[in-house]
Amino acid sequence: MIMNRGIYLADPCNVSSLPFWKTETVTIPDFLKIVRDNEYWQNRNKYAEYSDELYFKLIHSMQDLQKPILPDRFSTVEIGVADFARHIGECYADGGISEADLTEYKNHLVYNPALWLAAKDSLSGNIVATGIAEMDPRIGEGILEWIQVSPKYRKQGLGTFVVNELLHRMKGKADFCTVSGKVNNKTNPLALYECCGFSEKVIWHVLSKQ
């Protein structure tokens, strides 16, 4: 799937479930269909044999950025790819992402090492929150990829810090930032992103038939 830049920039959430760079590089397998919510309901009888998982896509205008506030007792720290992969795996029931796959991110044209962020508990030394963002300088799009907080440390402002800190690191470089995620996620990432200033929600159906 290759998309015209002008079409994408006119309405990033509504024209693609993916960030722009992925529309140029990702091949959707034959057993998958990705359908915008209104199109799904107009043609839902066509998809009766498919399993359906809902995803949201949001955008941030990069205006009126909120100040990143790291709660007391926590500090940012430099960690390696293996530690990022380990922490992501601890935060997701499905195992997250492998170290090898995460290492491949460094080959993405949107890779920016300044947008890999980790926070630790200053008392225990444990990594408790991580975030990875990417930056497409060709069209000024920032992308939040992985945002997660260890289960025992949620509801303490760490997720908000990670999102706002990554947005600040893209200030002056990104004209807008997009993020996607599962709608039916018990951690409710949609609420976090909307609290941090993301808006213009569009729901996408990821339909699969094995």
N, C-alpha and C. Protein backbone atom coordinates (compact mmCIF):
# COMPACT_ATOMS: atom_id res chain seq x y z
N MET A 1 0.84 -1.19 0.00
CA MET A 1 0.00 0.00 0.00
C MET A 1 0.88 1.24 0.00
N ILE A 2 0.81 2.04 -1.06
CA ILE A 2 1.55 3.29 -1.15
C ILE A 2 0.56 4.43 -1.27
N MET A 3 0.76 5.46 -0.45
CA MET A 3 -0.21 6.54 -0.37
C MET A 3 0.43 7.87 -0.76
N ASN A 4 -0.33 8.70 -1.41
CA ASN A 4 0.11 10.04 -1.75
C ASN A 4 0.28 10.87 -0.49
N ARG A 5 1.39 11.60 -0.39
CA ARG A 5 1.66 12.38 0.81
C ARG A 5 0.58 13.41 1.09
N GLY A 6 0.14 14.09 0.04
CA GLY A 6 -0.85 15.13 0.22
C GLY A 6 -2.15 14.58 0.78
N ILE A 7 -2.56 13.42 0.29
CA ILE A 7 -3.79 12.79 0.78
C ILE A 7 -3.62 12.43 2.25
N TYR A 8 -2.47 11.86 2.60
CA TYR A 8 -2.23 11.48 4.00
C TYR A 8 -2.22 12.70 4.90
N LEU A 9 -1.51 13.74 4.52
CA LEU A 9 -1.36 14.91 5.37
C LEU A 9 -2.68 15.65 5.56
N ALA A 10 -3.59 15.50 4.61
CA ALA A 10 -4.88 16.18 4.73
C ALA A 10 -5.71 15.64 5.88
N ASP A 11 -5.53 14.35 6.23
CA ASP A 11 -6.35 13.74 7.29
C ASP A 11 -5.70 12.43 7.74
N PRO A 12 -4.58 12.50 8.47
CA PRO A 12 -3.79 11.29 8.77
C PRO A 12 -4.55 10.18 9.46
N CYS A 13 -5.48 10.51 10.36
CA CYS A 13 -6.18 9.46 11.09
C CYS A 13 -7.25 8.78 10.24
N ASN A 14 -7.82 9.52 9.32
CA ASN A 14 -8.97 9.03 8.58
C ASN A 14 -8.60 8.29 7.30
N VAL A 15 -7.41 8.55 6.78
CA VAL A 15 -7.06 7.93 5.50
C VAL A 15 -6.23 6.66 5.65
N SER A 16 -5.61 6.46 6.83
CA SER A 16 -4.81 5.26 7.03
C SER A 16 -4.73 4.92 8.50
N SER A 17 -4.77 3.63 8.80
CA SER A 17 -4.58 3.18 10.18
C SER A 17 -3.10 3.22 10.56
N LEU A 18 -2.23 3.36 9.57
CA LEU A 18 -0.78 3.32 9.78
C LEU A 18 -0.17 4.70 9.67
N PRO A 19 1.00 4.92 10.28
CA PRO A 19 1.76 6.13 9.98
C PRO A 19 2.21 6.10 8.52
N PHE A 20 2.55 7.27 8.00
CA PHE A 20 2.82 7.38 6.57
C PHE A 20 3.94 6.44 6.11
N TRP A 21 5.03 6.38 6.87
CA TRP A 21 6.16 5.58 6.40
C TRP A 21 5.80 4.11 6.27
N LYS A 22 4.89 3.63 7.11
CA LYS A 22 4.49 2.23 7.01
C LYS A 22 3.59 1.98 5.80
N THR A 23 2.87 3.00 5.35
CA THR A 23 2.07 2.81 4.14
C THR A 23 2.96 2.52 2.94
N GLU A 24 4.24 2.94 3.03
CA GLU A 24 5.19 2.73 1.94
C GLU A 24 5.94 1.41 2.06
N THR A 25 5.96 0.83 3.25
CA THR A 25 6.82 -0.33 3.47
C THR A 25 6.10 -1.60 3.90
N VAL A 26 4.90 -1.47 4.45
CA VAL A 26 4.19 -2.63 4.99
C VAL A 26 3.28 -3.24 3.92
N THR A 27 3.39 -4.54 3.76
CA THR A 27 2.49 -5.27 2.86
C THR A 27 1.43 -5.98 3.70
N ILE A 28 0.18 -5.68 3.47
CA ILE A 28 -0.91 -6.31 4.21
C ILE A 28 -1.14 -7.71 3.64
N PRO A 29 -1.02 -8.76 4.47
CA PRO A 29 -1.22 -10.12 3.94
C PRO A 29 -2.66 -10.34 3.47
N ASP A 30 -2.83 -11.33 2.61
CA ASP A 30 -4.12 -11.57 1.99
C ASP A 30 -5.22 -11.90 3.00
N PHE A 31 -4.86 -12.51 4.14
CA PHE A 31 -5.88 -12.90 5.11
C PHE A 31 -6.31 -11.76 6.02
N LEU A 32 -5.71 -10.58 5.84
CA LEU A 32 -6.06 -9.41 6.66
C LEU A 32 -6.73 -8.34 5.83
N LYS A 33 -7.68 -7.67 6.44
CA LYS A 33 -8.27 -6.46 5.87
C LYS A 33 -8.30 -5.41 6.98
N ILE A 34 -7.99 -4.17 6.63
CA ILE A 34 -8.05 -3.07 7.58
C ILE A 34 -9.07 -2.07 7.06
N VAL A 35 -10.14 -1.89 7.83
CA VAL A 35 -11.30 -1.16 7.33
C VAL A 35 -11.70 -0.08 8.34
N ARG A 36 -11.91 1.12 7.83
CA ARG A 36 -12.38 2.21 8.69
C ARG A 36 -13.77 1.91 9.22
N ASP A 37 -14.08 2.40 10.41
CA ASP A 37 -15.30 2.03 11.11
C ASP A 37 -16.56 2.26 10.29
N ASN A 38 -16.69 3.43 9.67
CA ASN A 38 -17.92 3.69 8.91
C ASN A 38 -18.05 2.76 7.71
N GLU A 39 -16.94 2.42 7.08
CA GLU A 39 -16.98 1.51 5.95
C GLU A 39 -17.34 0.09 6.41
N TYR A 40 -16.84 -0.26 7.59
CA TYR A 40 -17.17 -1.58 8.13
C TYR A 40 -18.67 -1.73 8.32
N TRP A 41 -19.31 -0.76 8.94
CA TRP A 41 -20.75 -0.88 9.23
C TRP A 41 -21.60 -0.77 7.98
N GLN A 42 -21.10 -0.11 6.96
CA GLN A 42 -21.83 -0.04 5.70
C GLN A 42 -21.80 -1.38 4.96
N ASN A 43 -20.75 -2.18 5.23
CA ASN A 43 -20.57 -3.43 4.48
C ASN A 43 -20.34 -4.62 5.41
N ARG A 44 -20.88 -4.56 6.62
CA ARG A 44 -20.52 -5.57 7.63
C ARG A 44 -20.87 -7.00 7.22
N ASN A 45 -21.87 -7.19 6.37
CA ASN A 45 -22.22 -8.54 5.94
C ASN A 45 -21.09 -9.21 5.15
N LYS A 46 -20.25 -8.40 4.53
CA LYS A 46 -19.11 -8.92 3.78
C LYS A 46 -18.06 -9.55 4.69
N TYR A 47 -18.07 -9.14 5.97
CA TYR A 47 -17.00 -9.52 6.88
C TYR A 47 -17.45 -10.52 7.94
N ALA A 48 -18.54 -11.21 7.69
CA ALA A 48 -19.09 -12.12 8.69
C ALA A 48 -18.13 -13.24 9.05
N GLU A 49 -17.28 -13.64 8.12
CA GLU A 49 -16.38 -14.76 8.37
C GLU A 49 -15.04 -14.33 8.98
N TYR A 50 -14.89 -13.04 9.22
CA TYR A 50 -13.63 -12.53 9.74
C TYR A 50 -13.71 -12.31 11.25
N SER A 51 -12.61 -12.54 11.94
CA SER A 51 -12.51 -12.07 13.32
C SER A 51 -12.15 -10.59 13.28
N ASP A 52 -12.56 -9.87 14.30
CA ASP A 52 -12.49 -8.41 14.25
C ASP A 52 -11.82 -7.88 15.52
N GLU A 53 -10.78 -7.08 15.35
CA GLU A 53 -10.16 -6.41 16.49
C GLU A 53 -10.13 -4.92 16.20
N LEU A 54 -10.57 -4.13 17.18
CA LEU A 54 -10.70 -2.69 16.99
C LEU A 54 -9.43 -1.96 17.44
N TYR A 55 -9.02 -1.02 16.62
CA TYR A 55 -7.88 -0.16 16.93
C TYR A 55 -8.32 1.30 16.77
N PHE A 56 -7.70 2.17 17.55
CA PHE A 56 -7.93 3.60 17.39
C PHE A 56 -6.68 4.24 16.78
N LYS A 57 -6.87 5.38 16.15
CA LYS A 57 -5.76 6.22 15.74
C LYS A 57 -6.09 7.65 16.13
N LEU A 58 -5.11 8.33 16.72
CA LEU A 58 -5.27 9.69 17.21
C LEU A 58 -4.14 10.56 16.67
N ILE A 59 -4.34 11.88 16.77
CA ILE A 59 -3.32 12.83 16.32
C ILE A 59 -3.15 13.92 17.36
N HIS A 60 -1.93 14.41 17.47
CA HIS A 60 -1.62 15.56 18.34
C HIS A 60 -1.08 16.67 17.44
N SER A 61 -1.57 17.87 17.63
CA SER A 61 -1.18 19.00 16.78
C SER A 61 0.18 19.58 17.14
N MET A 62 0.77 19.11 18.23
CA MET A 62 2.04 19.62 18.76
C MET A 62 1.92 21.07 19.23
N GLN A 63 0.70 21.49 19.50
CA GLN A 63 0.45 22.80 20.09
C GLN A 63 0.07 22.62 21.56
N ASP A 64 0.37 23.62 22.36
CA ASP A 64 0.00 23.60 23.79
C ASP A 64 0.44 22.31 24.47
N LEU A 65 1.70 21.98 24.30
CA LEU A 65 2.22 20.76 24.91
C LEU A 65 2.22 20.88 26.43
N GLN A 66 1.85 19.79 27.08
CA GLN A 66 1.85 19.77 28.53
C GLN A 66 3.27 19.54 29.04
N LYS A 67 3.58 20.12 30.19
CA LYS A 67 4.90 19.96 30.79
C LYS A 67 5.09 18.53 31.28
N PRO A 68 6.20 17.87 30.90
CA PRO A 68 6.45 16.52 31.42
C PRO A 68 6.82 16.61 32.91
N ILE A 69 6.11 15.90 33.73
CA ILE A 69 6.38 15.90 35.17
C ILE A 69 6.68 14.46 35.60
N LEU A 70 7.92 14.23 36.00
CA LEU A 70 8.32 12.91 36.46
C LEU A 70 8.08 12.84 37.97
N PRO A 71 7.22 11.93 38.41
CA PRO A 71 6.93 11.86 39.84
C PRO A 71 8.18 11.64 40.69
N ASP A 72 8.13 12.13 41.92
CA ASP A 72 9.23 11.93 42.85
C ASP A 72 9.55 10.45 42.99
N ARG A 73 10.84 10.17 43.20
CA ARG A 73 11.33 8.82 43.41
C ARG A 73 11.74 8.15 42.11
N PHE A 74 11.39 8.75 40.97
CA PHE A 74 11.72 8.16 39.69
C PHE A 74 12.70 9.05 38.94
N SER A 75 13.47 8.44 38.05
CA SER A 75 14.43 9.19 37.24
C SER A 75 14.57 8.52 35.88
N THR A 76 14.98 9.29 34.88
CA THR A 76 15.22 8.71 33.56
C THR A 76 16.60 8.06 33.54
N VAL A 77 16.76 7.08 32.67
CA VAL A 77 17.99 6.31 32.63
C VAL A 77 18.20 5.79 31.21
N GLU A 78 19.47 5.64 30.82
CA GLU A 78 19.80 5.05 29.52
C GLU A 78 19.84 3.52 29.66
N ILE A 79 19.16 2.81 28.78
CA ILE A 79 19.18 1.35 28.79
C ILE A 79 19.34 0.84 27.37
N GLY A 80 19.68 -0.42 27.23
CA GLY A 80 19.89 -1.02 25.92
C GLY A 80 18.63 -1.65 25.36
N VAL A 81 18.74 -2.13 24.13
CA VAL A 81 17.60 -2.73 23.44
C VAL A 81 17.05 -3.93 24.22
N ALA A 82 17.95 -4.74 24.76
CA ALA A 82 17.50 -5.93 25.50
C ALA A 82 16.64 -5.54 26.70
N ASP A 83 17.01 -4.46 27.37
CA ASP A 83 16.22 -4.01 28.52
C ASP A 83 14.88 -3.45 28.09
N PHE A 84 14.85 -2.75 26.96
CA PHE A 84 13.57 -2.28 26.43
C PHE A 84 12.66 -3.46 26.12
N ALA A 85 13.20 -4.46 25.42
CA ALA A 85 12.40 -5.62 25.05
C ALA A 85 11.91 -6.36 26.28
N ARG A 86 12.77 -6.47 27.27
CA ARG A 86 12.39 -7.16 28.51
C ARG A 86 11.25 -6.43 29.21
N HIS A 87 11.36 -5.11 29.30
CA HIS A 87 10.32 -4.35 29.99
C HIS A 87 9.01 -4.40 29.23
N ILE A 88 9.06 -4.28 27.91
CA ILE A 88 7.84 -4.37 27.11
C ILE A 88 7.17 -5.73 27.34
N GLY A 89 7.96 -6.79 27.37
CA GLY A 89 7.42 -8.11 27.60
C GLY A 89 6.76 -8.26 28.95
N GLU A 90 7.28 -7.56 29.96
CA GLU A 90 6.69 -7.61 31.29
C GLU A 90 5.34 -6.90 31.35
N CYS A 91 5.11 -6.01 30.41
CA CYS A 91 3.91 -5.16 30.46
C CYS A 91 2.77 -5.67 29.60
N TYR A 92 3.03 -6.64 28.72
CA TYR A 92 2.01 -7.11 27.80
C TYR A 92 1.80 -8.61 27.95
N ALA A 93 0.54 -9.00 28.05
CA ALA A 93 0.21 -10.41 28.23
C ALA A 93 0.64 -11.25 27.03
N ASP A 94 0.69 -10.64 25.83
CA ASP A 94 1.05 -11.39 24.63
C ASP A 94 2.55 -11.44 24.39
N GLY A 95 3.34 -10.92 25.33
CA GLY A 95 4.79 -11.03 25.20
C GLY A 95 5.47 -9.86 24.56
N GLY A 96 4.73 -8.92 23.99
CA GLY A 96 5.34 -7.70 23.47
C GLY A 96 6.09 -7.90 22.18
N ILE A 97 7.42 -7.72 22.21
CA ILE A 97 8.25 -7.76 21.01
C ILE A 97 9.59 -8.38 21.36
N SER A 98 10.17 -9.11 20.42
CA SER A 98 11.45 -9.75 20.68
C SER A 98 12.59 -8.73 20.59
N GLU A 99 13.70 -9.07 21.21
CA GLU A 99 14.88 -8.21 21.13
C GLU A 99 15.33 -8.04 19.68
N ALA A 100 15.27 -9.13 18.92
CA ALA A 100 15.70 -9.06 17.51
C ALA A 100 14.82 -8.11 16.71
N ASP A 101 13.50 -8.21 16.91
CA ASP A 101 12.59 -7.33 16.18
C ASP A 101 12.76 -5.88 16.62
N LEU A 102 13.01 -5.67 17.90
CA LEU A 102 13.20 -4.30 18.39
C LEU A 102 14.51 -3.72 17.87
N THR A 103 15.54 -4.56 17.77
CA THR A 103 16.82 -4.11 17.20
C THR A 103 16.63 -3.64 15.77
N GLU A 104 15.71 -4.29 15.05
CA GLU A 104 15.45 -3.92 13.65
C GLU A 104 14.92 -2.50 13.54
N TYR A 105 14.33 -1.97 14.62
CA TYR A 105 13.84 -0.59 14.60
C TYR A 105 14.95 0.39 14.24
N LYS A 106 16.19 0.04 14.58
CA LYS A 106 17.30 0.95 14.30
C LYS A 106 17.56 1.09 12.80
N ASN A 107 17.00 0.20 12.02
CA ASN A 107 17.14 0.29 10.57
C ASN A 107 15.98 1.04 9.91
N HIS A 108 14.98 1.40 10.69
CA HIS A 108 13.86 2.15 10.14
C HIS A 108 14.31 3.56 9.74
N LEU A 109 13.77 4.07 8.68
CA LEU A 109 14.12 5.42 8.26
C LEU A 109 13.65 6.47 9.26
N VAL A 110 12.75 6.09 10.16
CA VAL A 110 12.21 7.02 11.16
C VAL A 110 12.87 6.85 12.53
N TYR A 111 13.93 6.04 12.61
CA TYR A 111 14.61 5.79 13.89
C TYR A 111 15.30 7.06 14.39
N ASN A 112 15.12 7.32 15.68
CA ASN A 112 15.79 8.44 16.33
C ASN A 112 16.14 8.01 17.75
N PRO A 113 17.41 7.83 18.08
CA PRO A 113 17.78 7.32 19.40
C PRO A 113 17.35 8.22 20.55
N ALA A 114 17.16 9.51 20.28
CA ALA A 114 16.73 10.44 21.33
C ALA A 114 15.30 10.19 21.75
N LEU A 115 14.58 9.37 20.97
CA LEU A 115 13.17 9.11 21.26
C LEU A 115 12.95 7.74 21.89
N TRP A 116 14.00 7.18 22.47
CA TRP A 116 13.90 5.96 23.28
C TRP A 116 14.07 6.38 24.73
N LEU A 117 13.04 6.21 25.52
CA LEU A 117 12.98 6.77 26.86
C LEU A 117 12.69 5.69 27.90
N ALA A 118 13.41 5.74 29.01
CA ALA A 118 13.16 4.79 30.10
C ALA A 118 13.23 5.53 31.43
N ALA A 119 12.40 5.08 32.37
CA ALA A 119 12.40 5.64 33.72
C ALA A 119 12.54 4.50 34.72
N LYS A 120 13.27 4.76 35.79
CA LYS A 120 13.47 3.73 36.81
C LYS A 120 12.99 4.22 38.17
N ASP A 121 12.72 3.26 39.02
CA ASP A 121 12.42 3.52 40.42
C ASP A 121 13.76 3.73 41.13
N SER A 122 13.97 4.94 41.65
CA SER A 122 15.26 5.26 42.25
C SER A 122 15.55 4.44 43.50
N LEU A 123 14.51 3.88 44.12
CA LEU A 123 14.71 3.06 45.32
C LEU A 123 15.13 1.64 44.98
N SER A 124 14.41 1.02 44.04
CA SER A 124 14.70 -0.37 43.70
C SER A 124 15.66 -0.52 42.54
N GLY A 125 15.77 0.53 41.71
CA GLY A 125 16.59 0.46 40.51
C GLY A 125 15.90 -0.21 39.35
N ASN A 126 14.65 -0.63 39.54
CA ASN A 126 13.91 -1.32 38.49
C ASN A 126 13.44 -0.36 37.40
N ILE A 127 13.46 -0.82 36.15
CA ILE A 127 12.86 -0.07 35.05
C ILE A 127 11.36 -0.20 35.19
N VAL A 128 10.65 0.93 35.24
CA VAL A 128 9.22 0.90 35.51
C VAL A 128 8.38 1.52 34.39
N ALA A 129 9.00 2.25 33.47
CA ALA A 129 8.25 2.85 32.36
C ALA A 129 9.20 3.04 31.19
N THR A 130 8.71 2.75 30.00
CA THR A 130 9.50 2.95 28.79
C THR A 130 8.62 3.49 27.68
N GLY A 131 9.25 4.14 26.73
CA GLY A 131 8.53 4.63 25.56
C GLY A 131 9.46 4.73 24.37
N ILE A 132 8.95 4.41 23.22
CA ILE A 132 9.70 4.54 21.97
C ILE A 132 8.85 5.32 20.98
N ALA A 133 9.42 6.39 20.45
CA ALA A 133 8.76 7.16 19.40
C ALA A 133 9.65 7.18 18.17
N GLU A 134 9.06 7.53 17.05
CA GLU A 134 9.80 7.63 15.79
C GLU A 134 9.46 8.96 15.13
N MET A 135 10.31 9.36 14.19
CA MET A 135 10.16 10.68 13.58
C MET A 135 10.40 10.57 12.08
N ASP A 136 9.40 10.97 11.31
CA ASP A 136 9.52 10.97 9.85
C ASP A 136 9.76 12.41 9.41
N PRO A 137 11.01 12.81 9.19
CA PRO A 137 11.30 14.21 8.87
C PRO A 137 10.80 14.64 7.50
N ARG A 138 10.48 13.68 6.64
CA ARG A 138 10.02 14.03 5.29
C ARG A 138 8.68 14.75 5.33
N ILE A 139 7.81 14.34 6.28
CA ILE A 139 6.48 14.96 6.34
C ILE A 139 6.19 15.56 7.72
N GLY A 140 7.18 15.53 8.61
CA GLY A 140 7.00 16.13 9.94
C GLY A 140 6.08 15.33 10.85
N GLU A 141 6.05 14.00 10.67
CA GLU A 141 5.19 13.17 11.50
C GLU A 141 5.99 12.49 12.60
N GLY A 142 5.59 12.73 13.85
CA GLY A 142 6.08 11.94 14.96
C GLY A 142 5.13 10.79 15.18
N ILE A 143 5.67 9.68 15.66
CA ILE A 143 4.83 8.48 15.88
C ILE A 143 5.19 7.88 17.23
N LEU A 144 4.20 7.72 18.10
CA LEU A 144 4.42 6.98 19.33
C LEU A 144 4.22 5.50 19.02
N GLU A 145 5.24 4.69 19.33
CA GLU A 145 5.20 3.26 18.99
C GLU A 145 4.92 2.39 20.21
N TRP A 146 5.77 2.48 21.22
CA TRP A 146 5.63 1.65 22.42
C TRP A 146 5.61 2.55 23.64
N ILE A 147 4.51 2.52 24.38
CA ILE A 147 4.37 3.28 25.62
C ILE A 147 3.85 2.31 26.68
N GLN A 148 4.60 2.06 27.74
CA GLN A 148 4.16 1.09 28.73
C GLN A 148 4.74 1.39 30.11
N VAL A 149 3.96 1.01 31.11
CA VAL A 149 4.32 1.17 32.52
C VAL A 149 4.15 -0.18 33.19
N SER A 150 5.09 -0.56 34.03
CA SER A 150 4.99 -1.82 34.76
C SER A 150 3.70 -1.87 35.56
N PRO A 151 3.06 -3.03 35.60
CA PRO A 151 1.74 -3.14 36.25
C PRO A 151 1.67 -2.55 37.65
N LYS A 152 2.67 -2.77 38.47
CA LYS A 152 2.62 -2.31 39.85
C LYS A 152 2.82 -0.80 39.99
N TYR A 153 3.19 -0.13 38.89
CA TYR A 153 3.50 1.30 38.94
C TYR A 153 2.51 2.15 38.17
N ARG A 154 1.41 1.56 37.75
CA ARG A 154 0.43 2.32 36.99
C ARG A 154 -0.38 3.24 37.90
N LYS A 155 -1.01 4.24 37.30
CA LYS A 155 -1.83 5.23 38.01
C LYS A 155 -0.98 6.12 38.91
N GLN A 156 0.30 6.31 38.55
CA GLN A 156 1.18 7.18 39.32
C GLN A 156 1.73 8.33 38.48
N GLY A 157 1.22 8.49 37.26
CA GLY A 157 1.66 9.59 36.41
C GLY A 157 2.82 9.26 35.50
N LEU A 158 3.28 8.02 35.52
CA LEU A 158 4.44 7.67 34.70
C LEU A 158 4.11 7.60 33.21
N GLY A 159 2.94 7.07 32.88
CA GLY A 159 2.54 7.04 31.47
C GLY A 159 2.39 8.43 30.90
N THR A 160 1.79 9.31 31.68
CA THR A 160 1.63 10.70 31.25
C THR A 160 2.98 11.35 31.04
N PHE A 161 3.91 11.09 31.95
CA PHE A 161 5.26 11.65 31.79
C PHE A 161 5.91 11.16 30.51
N VAL A 162 5.87 9.86 30.25
CA VAL A 162 6.53 9.30 29.07
C VAL A 162 5.97 9.93 27.79
N VAL A 163 4.64 10.00 27.70
CA VAL A 163 4.03 10.58 26.49
C VAL A 163 4.43 12.05 26.34
N ASN A 164 4.28 12.83 27.40
CA ASN A 164 4.58 14.26 27.29
C ASN A 164 6.06 14.52 27.06
N GLU A 165 6.92 13.71 27.66
CA GLU A 165 8.37 13.89 27.45
C GLU A 165 8.74 13.60 26.00
N LEU A 166 8.18 12.54 25.43
CA LEU A 166 8.47 12.24 24.03
C LEU A 166 7.94 13.33 23.10
N LEU A 167 6.78 13.85 23.40
CA LEU A 167 6.26 14.96 22.59
C LEU A 167 7.19 16.16 22.66
N HIS A 168 7.69 16.48 23.84
CA HIS A 168 8.62 17.61 23.99
C HIS A 168 9.91 17.36 23.23
N ARG A 169 10.36 16.13 23.19
CA ARG A 169 11.59 15.83 22.46
C ARG A 169 11.41 15.99 20.95
N MET A 170 10.17 15.93 20.49
CA MET A 170 9.88 16.12 19.07
C MET A 170 9.50 17.56 18.73
N LYS A 171 9.38 18.41 19.74
CA LYS A 171 8.98 19.80 19.53
C LYS A 171 9.96 20.50 18.59
N GLY A 172 9.44 21.21 17.61
CA GLY A 172 10.28 21.90 16.64
C GLY A 172 10.72 21.02 15.49
N LYS A 173 10.48 19.72 15.59
CA LYS A 173 10.83 18.79 14.51
C LYS A 173 9.57 18.18 13.89
N ALA A 174 8.60 17.85 14.73
CA ALA A 174 7.36 17.24 14.25
C ALA A 174 6.27 18.30 14.13
N ASP A 175 5.53 18.28 13.04
CA ASP A 175 4.38 19.16 12.86
C ASP A 175 3.14 18.55 13.50
N PHE A 176 3.14 17.24 13.63
CA PHE A 176 2.04 16.52 14.27
C PHE A 176 2.57 15.17 14.72
N CYS A 177 1.82 14.52 15.59
CA CYS A 177 2.22 13.20 16.08
C CYS A 177 1.01 12.29 16.07
N THR A 178 1.19 11.05 15.65
CA THR A 178 0.09 10.09 15.64
C THR A 178 0.39 8.93 16.58
N VAL A 179 -0.67 8.27 16.99
CA VAL A 179 -0.53 7.08 17.83
C VAL A 179 -1.71 6.16 17.58
N SER A 180 -1.46 4.87 17.65
CA SER A 180 -2.52 3.87 17.48
C SER A 180 -2.46 2.88 18.64
N GLY A 181 -3.54 2.17 18.85
CA GLY A 181 -3.57 1.16 19.90
C GLY A 181 -4.87 0.39 19.88
N LYS A 182 -4.88 -0.70 20.64
CA LYS A 182 -6.08 -1.51 20.73
C LYS A 182 -7.15 -0.81 21.56
N VAL A 183 -8.37 -0.83 21.06
CA VAL A 183 -9.49 -0.24 21.80
C VAL A 183 -9.77 -1.05 23.05
N ASN A 184 -9.84 -2.35 22.91
CA ASN A 184 -10.20 -3.23 24.03
C ASN A 184 -8.96 -3.67 24.79
N ASN A 185 -8.30 -2.69 25.38
CA ASN A 185 -7.10 -2.93 26.18
C ASN A 185 -7.42 -2.52 27.61
N LYS A 186 -7.22 -3.44 28.55
CA LYS A 186 -7.63 -3.17 29.93
C LYS A 186 -6.86 -2.01 30.55
N THR A 187 -5.70 -1.66 29.99
CA THR A 187 -4.95 -0.52 30.52
C THR A 187 -5.49 0.82 30.01
N ASN A 188 -6.42 0.78 29.04
CA ASN A 188 -7.09 1.96 28.50
C ASN A 188 -6.10 3.03 28.01
N PRO A 189 -5.23 2.68 27.05
CA PRO A 189 -4.30 3.68 26.53
C PRO A 189 -4.98 4.85 25.85
N LEU A 190 -6.18 4.62 25.32
CA LEU A 190 -6.90 5.71 24.67
C LEU A 190 -7.11 6.88 25.63
N ALA A 191 -7.48 6.58 26.85
CA ALA A 191 -7.71 7.64 27.84
C ALA A 191 -6.42 8.40 28.14
N LEU A 192 -5.30 7.67 28.21
CA LEU A 192 -4.01 8.32 28.46
C LEU A 192 -3.68 9.30 27.35
N TYR A 193 -3.81 8.86 26.11
CA TYR A 193 -3.43 9.73 25.00
C TYR A 193 -4.36 10.94 24.89
N GLU A 194 -5.64 10.73 25.10
CA GLU A 194 -6.56 11.87 25.04
C GLU A 194 -6.26 12.85 26.17
N CYS A 195 -5.88 12.35 27.34
CA CYS A 195 -5.52 13.21 28.46
C CYS A 195 -4.28 14.04 28.13
N CYS A 196 -3.41 13.51 27.27
CA CYS A 196 -2.18 14.20 26.89
C CYS A 196 -2.36 15.10 25.67
N GLY A 197 -3.59 15.25 25.20
CA GLY A 197 -3.85 16.19 24.12
C GLY A 197 -4.07 15.61 22.75
N PHE A 198 -4.08 14.29 22.62
CA PHE A 198 -4.38 13.67 21.33
C PHE A 198 -5.90 13.73 21.10
N SER A 199 -6.29 13.80 19.83
CA SER A 199 -7.71 13.93 19.51
C SER A 199 -7.98 13.37 18.11
N GLU A 200 -9.17 13.67 17.59
CA GLU A 200 -9.61 13.26 16.24
C GLU A 200 -9.61 11.74 16.09
N LYS A 201 -10.16 11.06 17.09
CA LYS A 201 -10.16 9.60 17.10
C LYS A 201 -10.88 9.01 15.89
N VAL A 202 -10.22 8.05 15.27
CA VAL A 202 -10.82 7.24 14.22
C VAL A 202 -10.63 5.78 14.60
N ILE A 203 -11.72 5.00 14.49
CA ILE A 203 -11.66 3.57 14.80
C ILE A 203 -11.45 2.78 13.51
N TRP A 204 -10.52 1.83 13.58
CA TRP A 204 -10.23 0.95 12.46
C TRP A 204 -10.46 -0.50 12.88
N HIS A 205 -11.02 -1.30 11.97
CA HIS A 205 -11.24 -2.72 12.20
C HIS A 205 -10.15 -3.50 11.51
N VAL A 206 -9.42 -4.30 12.29
CA VAL A 206 -8.43 -5.20 11.72
C VAL A 206 -9.08 -6.57 11.64
N LEU A 207 -9.40 -6.98 10.43
CA LEU A 207 -10.17 -8.20 10.18
C LEU A 207 -9.25 -9.30 9.67
N SER A 208 -9.35 -10.46 10.29
CA SER A 208 -8.48 -11.57 9.87
C SER A 208 -9.31 -12.82 9.61
N LYS A 209 -8.87 -13.59 8.63
CA LYS A 209 -9.51 -14.84 8.27
C LYS A 209 -8.43 -15.85 7.97
N GLN A 210 -8.27 -16.83 8.85
CA GLN A 210 -7.22 -17.84 8.69
C GLN A 210 -7.74 -19.04 7.88
